[in-house]
Amino acid sequence: MKRYVIQHRTHDWDPWQVCPRLQYDTLQEAKAAFKALPFKDGYRIAESFIQVRYKAVKV
């Protein structure tokens, strides 16, 4: 899994969607790709991470 992604959304009320072809290992690569986008409105750089959750167990 790549560490940095560029996300896109059409409207302010839409959820952010990951662009599958825009995933990078380093922040520098993601910044360079973001800078190369013709339109930056509706795009952002995000860091992917694994969220650890715990669920209670009934005993």
C-alpha atoms as a PDB file:
ATOM      1  CA  MET A   1       0.000   0.000   0.000  1.00  0.00           C
ATOM      2  CA  LYS A   2       1.252   3.456  -0.888  1.00  0.00           C
ATOM      3  CA  ARG A   3       1.614   6.013   1.887  1.00  0.00           C
ATOM      4  CA  TYR A   4       0.401   9.222   0.167  1.00  0.00           C
ATOM      5  CA  VAL A   5      -2.578   9.612  -2.158  1.00  0.00           C
ATOM      6  CA  ILE A   6      -4.286  12.404  -4.040  1.00  0.00           C
ATOM      7  CA  GLN A   7      -8.008  12.578  -3.351  1.00  0.00           C
ATOM      8  CA  HIS A   8     -10.757  14.212  -5.401  1.00  0.00           C
ATOM      9  CA  ARG A   9     -14.309  15.392  -4.859  1.00  0.00           C
ATOM     10  CA  THR A  10     -16.724  17.243  -7.125  1.00  0.00           C
ATOM     11  CA  HIS A  11     -18.781  19.180  -4.569  1.00  0.00           C
ATOM     12  CA  ASP A  12     -18.053  20.344  -1.015  1.00  0.00           C
ATOM     13  CA  TRP A  13     -20.682  17.954   0.360  1.00  0.00           C
ATOM     14  CA  ASP A  14     -19.295  14.896  -1.470  1.00  0.00           C
ATOM     15  CA  PRO A  15     -16.945  12.517   0.354  1.00  0.00           C
ATOM     16  CA  TRP A  16     -13.285  12.450  -0.693  1.00  0.00           C
ATOM     17  CA  GLN A  17     -12.473   9.711  -3.227  1.00  0.00           C
ATOM     18  CA  VAL A  18      -8.994   8.226  -3.689  1.00  0.00           C
ATOM     19  CA  CYS A  19      -7.659   8.432  -7.234  1.00  0.00           C
ATOM     20  CA  PRO A  20      -6.211   4.920  -7.769  1.00  0.00           C
ATOM     21  CA  ARG A  21      -3.569   6.064 -10.258  1.00  0.00           C
ATOM     22  CA  LEU A  22      -2.368   8.866  -7.961  1.00  0.00           C
ATOM     23  CA  GLN A  23      -0.690   6.971  -5.108  1.00  0.00           C
ATOM     24  CA  TYR A  24       2.896   7.617  -4.023  1.00  0.00           C
ATOM     25  CA  ASP A  25       5.492   6.355  -1.559  1.00  0.00           C
ATOM     26  CA  THR A  26       6.913   9.747  -0.563  1.00  0.00           C
ATOM     27  CA  LEU A  27       5.443  13.155   0.157  1.00  0.00           C
ATOM     28  CA  GLN A  28       7.796  14.753  -2.367  1.00  0.00           C
ATOM     29  CA  GLU A  29       6.404  12.560  -5.167  1.00  0.00           C
ATOM     30  CA  ALA A  30       2.830  13.420  -4.140  1.00  0.00           C
ATOM     31  CA  LYS A  31       3.609  17.161  -4.046  1.00  0.00           C
ATOM     32  CA  ALA A  32       5.199  17.005  -7.503  1.00  0.00           C
ATOM     33  CA  ALA A  33       2.172  15.179  -8.934  1.00  0.00           C
ATOM     34  CA  PHE A  34      -0.209  17.642  -7.246  1.00  0.00           C
ATOM     35  CA  LYS A  35       1.740  20.564  -8.699  1.00  0.00           C
ATOM     36  CA  ALA A  36       1.447  19.010 -12.182  1.00  0.00           C
ATOM     37  CA  LEU A  37      -2.375  18.822 -12.015  1.00  0.00           C
ATOM     38  CA  PRO A  38      -3.994  21.305 -14.414  1.00  0.00           C
ATOM     39  CA  PHE A  39      -6.817  22.075 -11.938  1.00  0.00           C
ATOM     40  CA  LYS A  40      -6.152  21.883  -8.213  1.00  0.00           C
ATOM     41  CA  ASP A  41      -9.665  22.801  -7.060  1.00  0.00           C
ATOM     42  CA  GLY A  42     -11.311  19.701  -5.597  1.00  0.00           C
ATOM     43  CA  TYR A  43      -8.040  17.819  -5.067  1.00  0.00           C
ATOM     44  CA  ARG A  44      -5.906  17.307  -1.974  1.00  0.00           C
ATOM     45  CA  ILE A  45      -2.952  15.259  -0.753  1.00  0.00           C
ATOM     46  CA  ALA A  46      -3.764  12.818   2.031  1.00  0.00           C
ATOM     47  CA  GLU A  47      -1.692  10.415   4.083  1.00  0.00           C
ATOM     48  CA  SER A  48      -3.050   6.891   4.303  1.00  0.00           C
ATOM     49  CA  PHE A  49      -2.878   5.078   7.615  1.00  0.00           C
ATOM     50  CA  ILE A  50      -4.264   2.014   9.298  1.00  0.00           C
ATOM     51  CA  GLN A  51      -6.772   2.744  12.009  1.00  0.00           C
ATOM     52  CA  VAL A  52      -6.805   0.339  14.927  1.00  0.00           C
ATOM     53  CA  ARG A  53     -10.189  -0.205  16.521  1.00  0.00           C
ATOM     54  CA  TYR A  54     -11.239  -2.374  19.384  1.00  0.00           C
ATOM     55  CA  LYS A  55     -14.616  -3.982  19.875  1.00  0.00           C
ATOM     56  CA  ALA A  56     -15.872  -5.152  23.245  1.00  0.00           C
ATOM     57  CA  VAL A  57     -16.231  -8.903  23.694  1.00  0.00           C
ATOM     58  CA  LYS A  58     -19.224 -10.246  25.578  1.00  0.00           C
ATOM     59  CA  VAL A  59     -18.120 -12.684  28.256  1.00  0.00           C
END
